[in-house]
Amino acid sequence: KCGREIKKKTSIWGLRVRVPPPVPAITLPYVGPITEDSIKHITL
């Protein structure tokens, strides 16, 4: 985050989040091959 957001100098920067990123919520079929088409379908 920029220092402007906390009413300080714009040259000051700090970590916005100090926790690990969220885990992706994607689940693939347990059996069968994975193709580009199946990945696009799951993403959509």
PDB file of all heavy atoms in Angstrom:
ATOM      1  N   LYS A   1       0.852  -1.188   0.000  1.00  0.00           N
ATOM      2  CA  LYS A   1       0.000   0.000   0.000  1.00  0.00           C
ATOM      3  C   LYS A   1       0.889   1.240   0.000  1.00  0.00           C
ATOM      4  O   LYS A   1       1.988   1.248   0.552  1.00  0.00           O
ATOM      5  CB  LYS A   1      -0.927   0.018   1.205  1.00  0.00           C
ATOM      6  CG  LYS A   1      -0.228  -0.003   2.551  1.00  0.00           C
ATOM      7  CD  LYS A   1      -1.232  -0.061   3.681  1.00  0.00           C
ATOM      8  CE  LYS A   1      -0.533  -0.173   5.039  1.00  0.00           C
ATOM      9  NZ  LYS A   1      -1.501  -0.272   6.145  1.00  0.00           N
ATOM     10  N   CYS A   2       0.390   2.283  -0.623  1.00  0.00           N
ATOM     11  CA  CYS A   2       1.137   3.537  -0.750  1.00  0.00           C
ATOM     12  C   CYS A   2       0.897   4.400   0.482  1.00  0.00           C
ATOM     13  O   CYS A   2      -0.159   4.318   1.136  1.00  0.00           O
ATOM     14  CB  CYS A   2       0.715   4.263  -2.016  1.00  0.00           C
ATOM     15  SG  CYS A   2       1.547   5.840  -2.264  1.00  0.00           S
ATOM     16  N   GLY A   3       1.895   5.264   0.792  1.00  0.00           N
ATOM     17  CA  GLY A   3       1.757   6.146   1.947  1.00  0.00           C
ATOM     18  C   GLY A   3       0.634   7.152   1.802  1.00  0.00           C
ATOM     19  O   GLY A   3       0.134   7.675   2.803  1.00  0.00           O
ATOM     20  N   ARG A   4       0.204   7.429   0.572  1.00  0.00           N
ATOM     21  CA  ARG A   4      -0.885   8.372   0.351  1.00  0.00           C
ATOM     22  C   ARG A   4      -2.179   7.878   0.980  1.00  0.00           C
ATOM     23  O   ARG A   4      -3.016   8.689   1.423  1.00  0.00           O
ATOM     24  CB  ARG A   4      -1.088   8.582  -1.151  1.00  0.00           C
ATOM     25  CG  ARG A   4      -2.181   9.586  -1.498  1.00  0.00           C
ATOM     26  CD  ARG A   4      -2.392   9.641  -2.991  1.00  0.00           C
ATOM     27  NE  ARG A   4      -1.168  10.055  -3.675  1.00  0.00           N
ATOM     28  CZ  ARG A   4      -1.057  10.095  -5.010  1.00  0.00           C
ATOM     29  NH1 ARG A   4      -2.079   9.724  -5.766  1.00  0.00           N
ATOM     30  NH2 ARG A   4       0.072  10.486  -5.561  1.00  0.00           N
ATOM     31  N   GLU A   5      -2.347   6.553   1.068  1.00  0.00           N
ATOM     32  CA  GLU A   5      -3.573   5.995   1.634  1.00  0.00           C
ATOM     33  C   GLU A   5      -3.685   6.259   3.129  1.00  0.00           C
ATOM     34  O   GLU A   5      -4.790   6.242   3.687  1.00  0.00           O
ATOM     35  CB  GLU A   5      -3.638   4.499   1.354  1.00  0.00           C
ATOM     36  CG  GLU A   5      -3.601   4.155  -0.125  1.00  0.00           C
ATOM     37  CD  GLU A   5      -3.631   2.659  -0.361  1.00  0.00           C
ATOM     38  OE1 GLU A   5      -4.159   1.939   0.506  1.00  0.00           O
ATOM     39  OE2 GLU A   5      -3.129   2.208  -1.404  1.00  0.00           O
ATOM     40  N   ILE A   6      -2.569   6.452   3.806  1.00  0.00           N
ATOM     41  CA  ILE A   6      -2.594   6.717   5.243  1.00  0.00           C
ATOM     42  C   ILE A   6      -2.119   8.146   5.521  1.00  0.00           C
ATOM     43  O   ILE A   6      -1.611   8.448   6.610  1.00  0.00           O
ATOM     44  CB  ILE A   6      -1.712   5.711   5.993  1.00  0.00           C
ATOM     45  CG1 ILE A   6      -0.287   5.678   5.419  1.00  0.00           C
ATOM     46  CG2 ILE A   6      -2.323   4.321   5.938  1.00  0.00           C
ATOM     47  CD1 ILE A   6       0.648   4.745   6.173  1.00  0.00           C
ATOM     48  N   LYS A   7      -2.277   9.033   4.489  1.00  0.00           N
ATOM     49  CA  LYS A   7      -1.967  10.454   4.613  1.00  0.00           C
ATOM     50  C   LYS A   7      -0.505  10.698   4.979  1.00  0.00           C
ATOM     51  O   LYS A   7      -0.179  11.487   5.854  1.00  0.00           O
ATOM     52  CB  LYS A   7      -2.882  11.103   5.638  1.00  0.00           C
ATOM     53  CG  LYS A   7      -4.354  11.060   5.252  1.00  0.00           C
ATOM     54  CD  LYS A   7      -5.232  11.757   6.285  1.00  0.00           C
ATOM     55  CE  LYS A   7      -6.702  11.707   5.860  1.00  0.00           C
ATOM     56  NZ  LYS A   7      -7.576  12.389   6.840  1.00  0.00           N
ATOM     57  N   LYS A   8       0.371   9.964   4.277  1.00  0.00           N
ATOM     58  CA  LYS A   8       1.808  10.175   4.443  1.00  0.00           C
ATOM     59  C   LYS A   8       2.442  10.358   3.068  1.00  0.00           C
ATOM     60  O   LYS A   8       1.728  10.453   2.057  1.00  0.00           O
ATOM     61  CB  LYS A   8       2.452   9.009   5.199  1.00  0.00           C
ATOM     62  CG  LYS A   8       2.028   8.889   6.653  1.00  0.00           C
ATOM     63  CD  LYS A   8       2.786   7.807   7.383  1.00  0.00           C
ATOM     64  CE  LYS A   8       2.380   7.732   8.843  1.00  0.00           C
ATOM     65  NZ  LYS A   8       2.807   8.943   9.583  1.00  0.00           N
ATOM     66  N   LYS A   9       3.756  10.414   3.004  1.00  0.00           N
ATOM     67  CA  LYS A   9       4.438  10.641   1.748  1.00  0.00           C
ATOM     68  C   LYS A   9       4.170   9.506   0.765  1.00  0.00           C
ATOM     69  O   LYS A   9       4.060   8.347   1.156  1.00  0.00           O
ATOM     70  CB  LYS A   9       5.947  10.781   1.977  1.00  0.00           C
ATOM     71  CG  LYS A   9       6.330  12.000   2.800  1.00  0.00           C
ATOM     72  CD  LYS A   9       7.845  12.076   2.956  1.00  0.00           C
ATOM     73  CE  LYS A   9       8.249  13.296   3.767  1.00  0.00           C
ATOM     74  NZ  LYS A   9       9.727  13.394   3.908  1.00  0.00           N
ATOM     75  N   THR A  10       4.087   9.870  -0.509  1.00  0.00           N
ATOM     76  CA  THR A  10       3.839   8.846  -1.533  1.00  0.00           C
ATOM     77  C   THR A  10       5.038   7.942  -1.743  1.00  0.00           C
ATOM     78  O   THR A  10       4.912   6.875  -2.359  1.00  0.00           O
ATOM     79  CB  THR A  10       3.466   9.526  -2.852  1.00  0.00           C
ATOM     80  OG1 THR A  10       4.541  10.416  -3.240  1.00  0.00           O
ATOM     81  CG2 THR A  10       2.174  10.326  -2.728  1.00  0.00           C
ATOM     82  N   SER A  11       6.202   8.350  -1.255  1.00  0.00           N
ATOM     83  CA  SER A  11       7.398   7.515  -1.411  1.00  0.00           C
ATOM     84  C   SER A  11       7.486   6.427  -0.348  1.00  0.00           C
ATOM     85  O   SER A  11       8.388   5.592  -0.385  1.00  0.00           O
ATOM     86  CB  SER A  11       8.655   8.391  -1.354  1.00  0.00           C
ATOM     87  OG  SER A  11       8.726   9.094  -0.114  1.00  0.00           O
ATOM     88  N   ILE A  12       6.554   6.410   0.596  1.00  0.00           N
ATOM     89  CA  ILE A  12       6.555   5.398   1.650  1.00  0.00           C
ATOM     90  C   ILE A  12       5.636   4.262   1.229  1.00  0.00           C
ATOM     91  O   ILE A  12       4.490   4.479   0.828  1.00  0.00           O
ATOM     92  CB  ILE A  12       6.081   6.002   2.992  1.00  0.00           C
ATOM     93  CG1 ILE A  12       7.042   7.111   3.446  1.00  0.00           C
ATOM     94  CG2 ILE A  12       5.980   4.921   4.063  1.00  0.00           C
ATOM     95  CD1 ILE A  12       6.612   7.793   4.718  1.00  0.00           C
ATOM     96  N   TRP A  13       6.156   3.064   1.344  1.00  0.00           N
ATOM     97  CA  TRP A  13       5.375   1.886   0.987  1.00  0.00           C
ATOM     98  C   TRP A  13       5.429   0.891   2.135  1.00  0.00           C
ATOM     99  O   TRP A  13       6.419   0.815   2.857  1.00  0.00           O
ATOM    100  CB  TRP A  13       5.909   1.230  -0.289  1.00  0.00           C
ATOM    101  CG  TRP A  13       5.696   2.065  -1.513  1.00  0.00           C
ATOM    102  CD1 TRP A  13       6.508   3.071  -1.971  1.00  0.00           C
ATOM    103  CD2 TRP A  13       4.614   1.990  -2.420  1.00  0.00           C
ATOM    104  NE1 TRP A  13       5.992   3.618  -3.104  1.00  0.00           N
ATOM    105  CE2 TRP A  13       4.821   2.973  -3.419  1.00  0.00           C
ATOM    106  CE3 TRP A  13       3.481   1.185  -2.502  1.00  0.00           C
ATOM    107  CZ2 TRP A  13       3.947   3.169  -4.463  1.00  0.00           C
ATOM    108  CZ3 TRP A  13       2.611   1.367  -3.549  1.00  0.00           C
ATOM    109  CH2 TRP A  13       2.837   2.353  -4.519  1.00  0.00           C
ATOM    110  N   GLY A  14       4.368   0.117   2.281  1.00  0.00           N
ATOM    111  CA  GLY A  14       4.317  -0.894   3.329  1.00  0.00           C
ATOM    112  C   GLY A  14       3.492  -2.083   2.892  1.00  0.00           C
ATOM    113  O   GLY A  14       2.699  -2.000   1.937  1.00  0.00           O
ATOM    114  N   LEU A  15       3.667  -3.205   3.583  1.00  0.00           N
ATOM    115  CA  LEU A  15       2.901  -4.395   3.253  1.00  0.00           C
ATOM    116  C   LEU A  15       1.435  -4.189   3.611  1.00  0.00           C
ATOM    117  O   LEU A  15       1.098  -3.762   4.706  1.00  0.00           O
ATOM    118  CB  LEU A  15       3.449  -5.609   3.999  1.00  0.00           C
ATOM    119  CG  LEU A  15       4.676  -6.299   3.397  1.00  0.00           C
ATOM    120  CD1 LEU A  15       5.147  -7.408   4.319  1.00  0.00           C
ATOM    121  CD2 LEU A  15       4.337  -6.871   2.036  1.00  0.00           C
ATOM    122  N   ARG A  16       0.563  -4.504   2.655  1.00  0.00           N
ATOM    123  CA  ARG A  16      -0.864  -4.375   2.905  1.00  0.00           C
ATOM    124  C   ARG A  16      -1.383  -5.584   3.687  1.00  0.00           C
ATOM    125  O   ARG A  16      -2.188  -5.467   4.597  1.00  0.00           O
ATOM    126  CB  ARG A  16      -1.616  -4.264   1.576  1.00  0.00           C
ATOM    127  CG  ARG A  16      -3.110  -4.075   1.722  1.00  0.00           C
ATOM    128  CD  ARG A  16      -3.776  -4.044   0.361  1.00  0.00           C
ATOM    129  NE  ARG A  16      -3.251  -2.972  -0.473  1.00  0.00           N
ATOM    130  CZ  ARG A  16      -3.693  -1.714  -0.420  1.00  0.00           C
ATOM    131  NH1 ARG A  16      -4.647  -1.391   0.418  1.00  0.00           N
ATOM    132  NH2 ARG A  16      -3.172  -0.800  -1.196  1.00  0.00           N
ATOM    133  N   VAL A  17      -0.919  -6.756   3.318  1.00  0.00           N
ATOM    134  CA  VAL A  17      -1.365  -7.978   3.971  1.00  0.00           C
ATOM    135  C   VAL A  17      -0.138  -8.749   4.430  1.00  0.00           C
ATOM    136  O   VAL A  17       0.785  -8.974   3.656  1.00  0.00           O
ATOM    137  CB  VAL A  17      -2.217  -8.840   3.008  1.00  0.00           C
ATOM    138  CG1 VAL A  17      -2.683 -10.106   3.722  1.00  0.00           C
ATOM    139  CG2 VAL A  17      -3.421  -8.055   2.509  1.00  0.00           C
ATOM    140  N   ARG A  18      -0.125  -9.169   5.690  1.00  0.00           N
ATOM    141  CA  ARG A  18       1.007  -9.911   6.244  1.00  0.00           C
ATOM    142  C   ARG A  18       0.648 -11.370   6.494  1.00  0.00           C
ATOM    143  O   ARG A  18       1.175 -11.999   7.387  1.00  0.00           O
ATOM    144  CB  ARG A  18       1.472  -9.259   7.541  1.00  0.00           C
ATOM    145  CG  ARG A  18       2.030  -7.859   7.354  1.00  0.00           C
ATOM    146  CD  ARG A  18       2.459  -7.263   8.686  1.00  0.00           C
ATOM    147  NE  ARG A  18       2.972  -5.917   8.528  1.00  0.00           N
ATOM    148  CZ  ARG A  18       4.238  -5.615   8.277  1.00  0.00           C
ATOM    149  NH1 ARG A  18       5.112  -6.585   8.172  1.00  0.00           N
ATOM    150  NH2 ARG A  18       4.623  -4.374   8.140  1.00  0.00           N
ATOM    151  N   VAL A  19      -0.276 -11.889   5.729  1.00  0.00           N
ATOM    152  CA  VAL A  19      -0.692 -13.287   5.868  1.00  0.00           C
ATOM    153  C   VAL A  19      -0.519 -13.965   4.519  1.00  0.00           C
ATOM    154  O   VAL A  19      -0.424 -13.314   3.482  1.00  0.00           O
ATOM    155  CB  VAL A  19      -2.162 -13.393   6.329  1.00  0.00           C
ATOM    156  CG1 VAL A  19      -2.322 -12.815   7.717  1.00  0.00           C
ATOM    157  CG2 VAL A  19      -3.091 -12.694   5.348  1.00  0.00           C
ATOM    158  N   PRO A  20      -0.430 -15.298   4.496  1.00  0.00           N
ATOM    159  CA  PRO A  20      -0.311 -16.013   3.225  1.00  0.00           C
ATOM    160  C   PRO A  20      -1.507 -15.737   2.312  1.00  0.00           C
ATOM    161  O   PRO A  20      -2.602 -15.404   2.784  1.00  0.00           O
ATOM    162  CB  PRO A  20      -0.266 -17.486   3.646  1.00  0.00           C
ATOM    163  CG  PRO A  20       0.187 -17.458   5.067  1.00  0.00           C
ATOM    164  CD  PRO A  20      -0.366 -16.213   5.654  1.00  0.00           C
ATOM    165  N   PRO A  21      -1.327 -15.864   1.006  1.00  0.00           N
ATOM    166  CA  PRO A  21      -2.422 -15.625   0.066  1.00  0.00           C
ATOM    167  C   PRO A  21      -3.495 -16.696   0.185  1.00  0.00           C
ATOM    168  O   PRO A  21      -3.248 -17.767   0.743  1.00  0.00           O
ATOM    169  CB  PRO A  21      -1.727 -15.681  -1.301  1.00  0.00           C
ATOM    170  CG  PRO A  21      -0.540 -16.553  -1.068  1.00  0.00           C
ATOM    171  CD  PRO A  21      -0.083 -16.266   0.326  1.00  0.00           C
ATOM    172  N   PRO A  22      -4.709 -16.427  -0.309  1.00  0.00           N
ATOM    173  CA  PRO A  22      -5.775 -17.444  -0.238  1.00  0.00           C
ATOM    174  C   PRO A  22      -5.467 -18.637  -1.126  1.00  0.00           C
ATOM    175  O   PRO A  22      -4.809 -18.520  -2.155  1.00  0.00           O
ATOM    176  CB  PRO A  22      -7.020 -16.680  -0.731  1.00  0.00           C
ATOM    177  CG  PRO A  22      -6.466 -15.566  -1.575  1.00  0.00           C
ATOM    178  CD  PRO A  22      -5.177 -15.174  -0.931  1.00  0.00           C
ATOM    179  N   VAL A  23      -5.957 -19.795  -0.730  1.00  0.00           N
ATOM    180  CA  VAL A  23      -5.760 -21.024  -1.490  1.00  0.00           C
ATOM    181  C   VAL A  23      -6.717 -21.044  -2.674  1.00  0.00           C
ATOM    182  O   VAL A  23      -7.894 -20.712  -2.519  1.00  0.00           O
ATOM    183  CB  VAL A  23      -5.998 -22.259  -0.603  1.00  0.00           C
ATOM    184  CG1 VAL A  23      -5.824 -23.536  -1.400  1.00  0.00           C
ATOM    185  CG2 VAL A  23      -5.055 -22.232   0.588  1.00  0.00           C
ATOM    186  N   PRO A  24      -6.259 -21.382  -3.881  1.00  0.00           N
ATOM    187  CA  PRO A  24      -7.163 -21.444  -5.040  1.00  0.00           C
ATOM    188  C   PRO A  24      -8.292 -22.446  -4.816  1.00  0.00           C
ATOM    189  O   PRO A  24      -8.076 -23.544  -4.304  1.00  0.00           O
ATOM    190  CB  PRO A  24      -6.240 -21.902  -6.185  1.00  0.00           C
ATOM    191  CG  PRO A  24      -4.865 -21.557  -5.733  1.00  0.00           C
ATOM    192  CD  PRO A  24      -4.867 -21.680  -4.249  1.00  0.00           C
ATOM    193  N   ALA A  25      -9.502 -22.047  -5.193  1.00  0.00           N
ATOM    194  CA  ALA A  25     -10.675 -22.909  -5.012  1.00  0.00           C
ATOM    195  C   ALA A  25     -11.019 -23.595  -6.324  1.00  0.00           C
ATOM    196  O   ALA A  25     -12.043 -23.324  -6.948  1.00  0.00           O
ATOM    197  CB  ALA A  25     -11.854 -22.094  -4.490  1.00  0.00           C
ATOM    198  N   ILE A  26     -10.137 -24.467  -6.764  1.00  0.00           N
ATOM    199  CA  ILE A  26     -10.344 -25.205  -8.013  1.00  0.00           C
ATOM    200  C   ILE A  26     -10.277 -26.691  -7.702  1.00  0.00           C
ATOM    201  O   ILE A  26      -9.373 -27.143  -6.997  1.00  0.00           O
ATOM    202  CB  ILE A  26      -9.284 -24.840  -9.068  1.00  0.00           C
ATOM    203  CG1 ILE A  26      -9.353 -23.348  -9.410  1.00  0.00           C
ATOM    204  CG2 ILE A  26      -9.465 -25.675 -10.328  1.00  0.00           C
ATOM    205  CD1 ILE A  26      -8.289 -22.886 -10.369  1.00  0.00           C
ATOM    206  N   THR A  27     -11.230 -27.443  -8.209  1.00  0.00           N
ATOM    207  CA  THR A  27     -11.262 -28.881  -7.988  1.00  0.00           C
ATOM    208  C   THR A  27     -11.333 -29.593  -9.328  1.00  0.00           C
ATOM    209  O   THR A  27     -12.211 -29.301 -10.153  1.00  0.00           O
ATOM    210  CB  THR A  27     -12.476 -29.285  -7.133  1.00  0.00           C
ATOM    211  OG1 THR A  27     -12.408 -28.585  -5.880  1.00  0.00           O
ATOM    212  CG2 THR A  27     -12.468 -30.787  -6.870  1.00  0.00           C
ATOM    213  N   LEU A  28     -10.407 -30.499  -9.569  1.00  0.00           N
ATOM    214  CA  LEU A  28     -10.380 -31.272 -10.802  1.00  0.00           C
ATOM    215  C   LEU A  28     -11.033 -32.628 -10.576  1.00  0.00           C
ATOM    216  O   LEU A  28     -11.042 -33.141  -9.452  1.00  0.00           O
ATOM    217  CB  LEU A  28      -8.937 -31.457 -11.277  1.00  0.00           C
ATOM    218  CG  LEU A  28      -8.146 -30.190 -11.595  1.00  0.00           C
ATOM    219  CD1 LEU A  28      -6.743 -30.560 -12.049  1.00  0.00           C
ATOM    220  CD2 LEU A  28      -8.838 -29.374 -12.672  1.00  0.00           C
ATOM    221  N   PRO A  29     -11.569 -33.245 -11.625  1.00  0.00           N
ATOM    222  CA  PRO A  29     -12.109 -34.603 -11.493  1.00  0.00           C
ATOM    223  C   PRO A  29     -11.028 -35.561 -11.005  1.00  0.00           C
ATOM    224  O   PRO A  29      -9.875 -35.464 -11.401  1.00  0.00           O
ATOM    225  CB  PRO A  29     -12.570 -34.934 -12.922  1.00  0.00           C
ATOM    226  CG  PRO A  29     -12.758 -33.613 -13.582  1.00  0.00           C
ATOM    227  CD  PRO A  29     -11.762 -32.690 -12.975  1.00  0.00           C
ATOM    228  N   TYR A  30     -11.425 -36.492 -10.139  1.00  0.00           N
ATOM    229  CA  TYR A  30     -10.437 -37.379  -9.530  1.00  0.00           C
ATOM    230  C   TYR A  30      -9.885 -38.391 -10.522  1.00  0.00           C
ATOM    231  O   TYR A  30      -8.795 -38.908 -10.331  1.00  0.00           O
ATOM    232  CB  TYR A  30     -11.062 -38.118  -8.341  1.00  0.00           C
ATOM    233  CG  TYR A  30     -10.029 -38.772  -7.467  1.00  0.00           C
ATOM    234  CD1 TYR A  30      -9.228 -38.001  -6.627  1.00  0.00           C
ATOM    235  CD2 TYR A  30      -9.842 -40.146  -7.487  1.00  0.00           C
ATOM    236  CE1 TYR A  30      -8.263 -38.591  -5.828  1.00  0.00           C
ATOM    237  CE2 TYR A  30      -8.877 -40.748  -6.687  1.00  0.00           C
ATOM    238  CZ  TYR A  30      -8.094 -39.967  -5.868  1.00  0.00           C
ATOM    239  OH  TYR A  30      -7.139 -40.556  -5.089  1.00  0.00           O
ATOM    240  N   VAL A  31     -10.629 -38.703 -11.581  1.00  0.00           N
ATOM    241  CA  VAL A  31     -10.170 -39.646 -12.601  1.00  0.00           C
ATOM    242  C   VAL A  31     -10.306 -38.996 -13.966  1.00  0.00           C
ATOM    243  O   VAL A  31     -11.016 -38.001 -14.141  1.00  0.00           O
ATOM    244  CB  VAL A  31     -10.972 -40.967 -12.558  1.00  0.00           C
ATOM    245  CG1 VAL A  31     -10.736 -41.697 -11.257  1.00  0.00           C
ATOM    246  CG2 VAL A  31     -12.462 -40.695 -12.749  1.00  0.00           C
ATOM    247  N   GLY A  32      -9.601 -39.573 -14.952  1.00  0.00           N
ATOM    248  CA  GLY A  32      -9.688 -39.081 -16.315  1.00  0.00           C
ATOM    249  C   GLY A  32      -8.604 -38.077 -16.638  1.00  0.00           C
ATOM    250  O   GLY A  32      -8.035 -37.440 -15.745  1.00  0.00           O
ATOM    251  N   PRO A  33      -8.287 -37.933 -17.917  1.00  0.00           N
ATOM    252  CA  PRO A  33      -7.245 -36.978 -18.318  1.00  0.00           C
ATOM    253  C   PRO A  33      -7.706 -35.528 -18.192  1.00  0.00           C
ATOM    254  O   PRO A  33      -8.902 -35.234 -18.264  1.00  0.00           O
ATOM    255  CB  PRO A  33      -6.992 -37.352 -19.784  1.00  0.00           C
ATOM    256  CG  PRO A  33      -8.310 -37.932 -20.245  1.00  0.00           C
ATOM    257  CD  PRO A  33      -8.881 -38.648 -19.060  1.00  0.00           C
ATOM    258  N   ILE A  34      -6.744 -34.633 -17.999  1.00  0.00           N
ATOM    259  CA  ILE A  34      -7.009 -33.206 -17.911  1.00  0.00           C
ATOM    260  C   ILE A  34      -6.493 -32.544 -19.182  1.00  0.00           C
ATOM    261  O   ILE A  34      -5.316 -32.659 -19.513  1.00  0.00           O
ATOM    262  CB  ILE A  34      -6.334 -32.582 -16.680  1.00  0.00           C
ATOM    263  CG1 ILE A  34      -6.826 -33.275 -15.409  1.00  0.00           C
ATOM    264  CG2 ILE A  34      -6.624 -31.097 -16.606  1.00  0.00           C
ATOM    265  CD1 ILE A  34      -8.307 -33.174 -15.189  1.00  0.00           C
ATOM    266  N   THR A  35      -7.373 -31.880 -19.915  1.00  0.00           N
ATOM    267  CA  THR A  35      -7.009 -31.227 -21.166  1.00  0.00           C
ATOM    268  C   THR A  35      -7.205 -29.720 -21.031  1.00  0.00           C
ATOM    269  O   THR A  35      -7.731 -29.219 -20.032  1.00  0.00           O
ATOM    270  CB  THR A  35      -7.878 -31.766 -22.314  1.00  0.00           C
ATOM    271  OG1 THR A  35      -9.254 -31.460 -22.039  1.00  0.00           O
ATOM    272  CG2 THR A  35      -7.726 -33.280 -22.453  1.00  0.00           C
ATOM    273  N   GLU A  36      -6.781 -28.988 -22.068  1.00  0.00           N
ATOM    274  CA  GLU A  36      -6.956 -27.540 -22.073  1.00  0.00           C
ATOM    275  C   GLU A  36      -8.431 -27.172 -22.053  1.00  0.00           C
ATOM    276  O   GLU A  36      -8.847 -26.202 -21.419  1.00  0.00           O
ATOM    277  CB  GLU A  36      -6.259 -26.939 -23.303  1.00  0.00           C
ATOM    278  CG  GLU A  36      -4.743 -27.054 -23.282  1.00  0.00           C
ATOM    279  CD  GLU A  36      -4.114 -26.200 -22.203  1.00  0.00           C
ATOM    280  OE1 GLU A  36      -4.770 -25.232 -21.774  1.00  0.00           O
ATOM    281  OE2 GLU A  36      -2.986 -26.517 -21.794  1.00  0.00           O
ATOM    282  N   ASP A  37      -9.261 -27.935 -22.772  1.00  0.00           N
ATOM    283  CA  ASP A  37     -10.701 -27.650 -22.815  1.00  0.00           C
ATOM    284  C   ASP A  37     -11.338 -27.843 -21.440  1.00  0.00           C
ATOM    285  O   ASP A  37     -12.195 -27.047 -21.027  1.00  0.00           O
ATOM    286  CB  ASP A  37     -11.382 -28.552 -23.847  1.00  0.00           C
ATOM    287  CG  ASP A  37     -10.940 -28.233 -25.270  1.00  0.00           C
ATOM    288  OD1 ASP A  37     -10.499 -27.087 -25.494  1.00  0.00           O
ATOM    289  OD2 ASP A  37     -11.011 -29.126 -26.134  1.00  0.00           O
ATOM    290  N   SER A  38     -10.934 -28.909 -20.731  1.00  0.00           N
ATOM    291  CA  SER A  38     -11.513 -29.133 -19.414  1.00  0.00           C
ATOM    292  C   SER A  38     -11.092 -28.045 -18.434  1.00  0.00           C
ATOM    293  O   SER A  38     -11.876 -27.633 -17.580  1.00  0.00           O
ATOM    294  CB  SER A  38     -11.101 -30.509 -18.892  1.00  0.00           C
ATOM    295  OG  SER A  38      -9.686 -30.585 -18.753  1.00  0.00           O
ATOM    296  N   ILE A  39      -9.850 -27.553 -18.563  1.00  0.00           N
ATOM    297  CA  ILE A  39      -9.387 -26.467 -17.694  1.00  0.00           C
ATOM    298  C   ILE A  39     -10.199 -25.200 -17.962  1.00  0.00           C
ATOM    299  O   ILE A  39     -10.629 -24.502 -17.027  1.00  0.00           O
ATOM    300  CB  ILE A  39      -7.887 -26.207 -17.916  1.00  0.00           C
ATOM    301  CG1 ILE A  39      -7.052 -27.393 -17.406  1.00  0.00           C
ATOM    302  CG2 ILE A  39      -7.453 -24.920 -17.200  1.00  0.00           C
ATOM    303  CD1 ILE A  39      -7.118 -27.585 -15.917  1.00  0.00           C
ATOM    304  N   LYS A  40     -10.449 -24.876 -19.231  1.00  0.00           N
ATOM    305  CA  LYS A  40     -11.241 -23.688 -19.565  1.00  0.00           C
ATOM    306  C   LYS A  40     -12.657 -23.815 -19.037  1.00  0.00           C
ATOM    307  O   LYS A  40     -13.248 -22.851 -18.555  1.00  0.00           O
ATOM    308  CB  LYS A  40     -11.234 -23.485 -21.078  1.00  0.00           C
ATOM    309  CG  LYS A  40      -9.886 -23.088 -21.656  1.00  0.00           C
ATOM    310  CD  LYS A  40      -9.958 -22.920 -23.161  1.00  0.00           C
ATOM    311  CE  LYS A  40      -8.595 -22.548 -23.726  1.00  0.00           C
ATOM    312  NZ  LYS A  40      -8.642 -22.413 -25.215  1.00  0.00           N
ATOM    313  N   HIS A  41     -13.231 -25.025 -19.138  1.00  0.00           N
ATOM    314  CA  HIS A  41     -14.593 -25.243 -18.657  1.00  0.00           C
ATOM    315  C   HIS A  41     -14.669 -25.054 -17.152  1.00  0.00           C
ATOM    316  O   HIS A  41     -15.609 -24.412 -16.644  1.00  0.00           O
ATOM    317  CB  HIS A  41     -15.065 -26.647 -19.042  1.00  0.00           C
ATOM    318  CG  HIS A  41     -16.418 -26.985 -18.527  1.00  0.00           C
ATOM    319  ND1 HIS A  41     -17.573 -26.429 -19.036  1.00  0.00           N
ATOM    320  CD2 HIS A  41     -16.811 -27.829 -17.505  1.00  0.00           C
ATOM    321  CE1 HIS A  41     -18.620 -26.903 -18.374  1.00  0.00           C
ATOM    322  NE2 HIS A  41     -18.183 -27.756 -17.454  1.00  0.00           N
ATOM    323  N   ILE A  42     -13.686 -25.582 -16.407  1.00  0.00           N
ATOM    324  CA  ILE A  42     -13.683 -25.440 -14.954  1.00  0.00           C
ATOM    325  C   ILE A  42     -13.473 -23.987 -14.555  1.00  0.00           C
ATOM    326  O   ILE A  42     -14.124 -23.470 -13.636  1.00  0.00           O
ATOM    327  CB  ILE A  42     -12.595 -26.343 -14.347  1.00  0.00           C
ATOM    328  CG1 ILE A  42     -12.952 -27.817 -14.572  1.00  0.00           C
ATOM    329  CG2 ILE A  42     -12.412 -26.062 -12.867  1.00  0.00           C
ATOM    330  CD1 ILE A  42     -11.861 -28.772 -14.178  1.00  0.00           C
ATOM    331  N   THR A  43     -12.582 -23.280 -15.251  1.00  0.00           N
ATOM    332  CA  THR A  43     -12.339 -21.871 -14.945  1.00  0.00           C
ATOM    333  C   THR A  43     -13.583 -21.040 -15.194  1.00  0.00           C
ATOM    334  O   THR A  43     -13.942 -20.162 -14.389  1.00  0.00           O
ATOM    335  CB  THR A  43     -11.182 -21.341 -15.797  1.00  0.00           C
ATOM    336  OG1 THR A  43     -10.023 -22.166 -15.588  1.00  0.00           O
ATOM    337  CG2 THR A  43     -10.836 -19.908 -15.420  1.00  0.00           C
ATOM    338  N   LEU A  44     -14.280 -21.280 -16.309  1.00  0.00           N
ATOM    339  CA  LEU A  44     -15.498 -20.550 -16.623  1.00  0.00           C
ATOM    340  C   LEU A  44     -16.587 -20.837 -15.595  1.00  0.00           C
ATOM    341  O   LEU A  44     -17.303 -19.931 -15.164  1.00  0.00           O
ATOM    342  CB  LEU A  44     -15.972 -20.928 -18.031  1.00  0.00           C
ATOM    343  CG  LEU A  44     -17.234 -20.218 -18.544  1.00  0.00           C
ATOM    344  CD1 LEU A  44     -16.997 -18.712 -18.607  1.00  0.00           C
ATOM    345  CD2 LEU A  44     -17.631 -20.748 -19.913  1.00  0.00           C
TER     346      LEU A  44
END
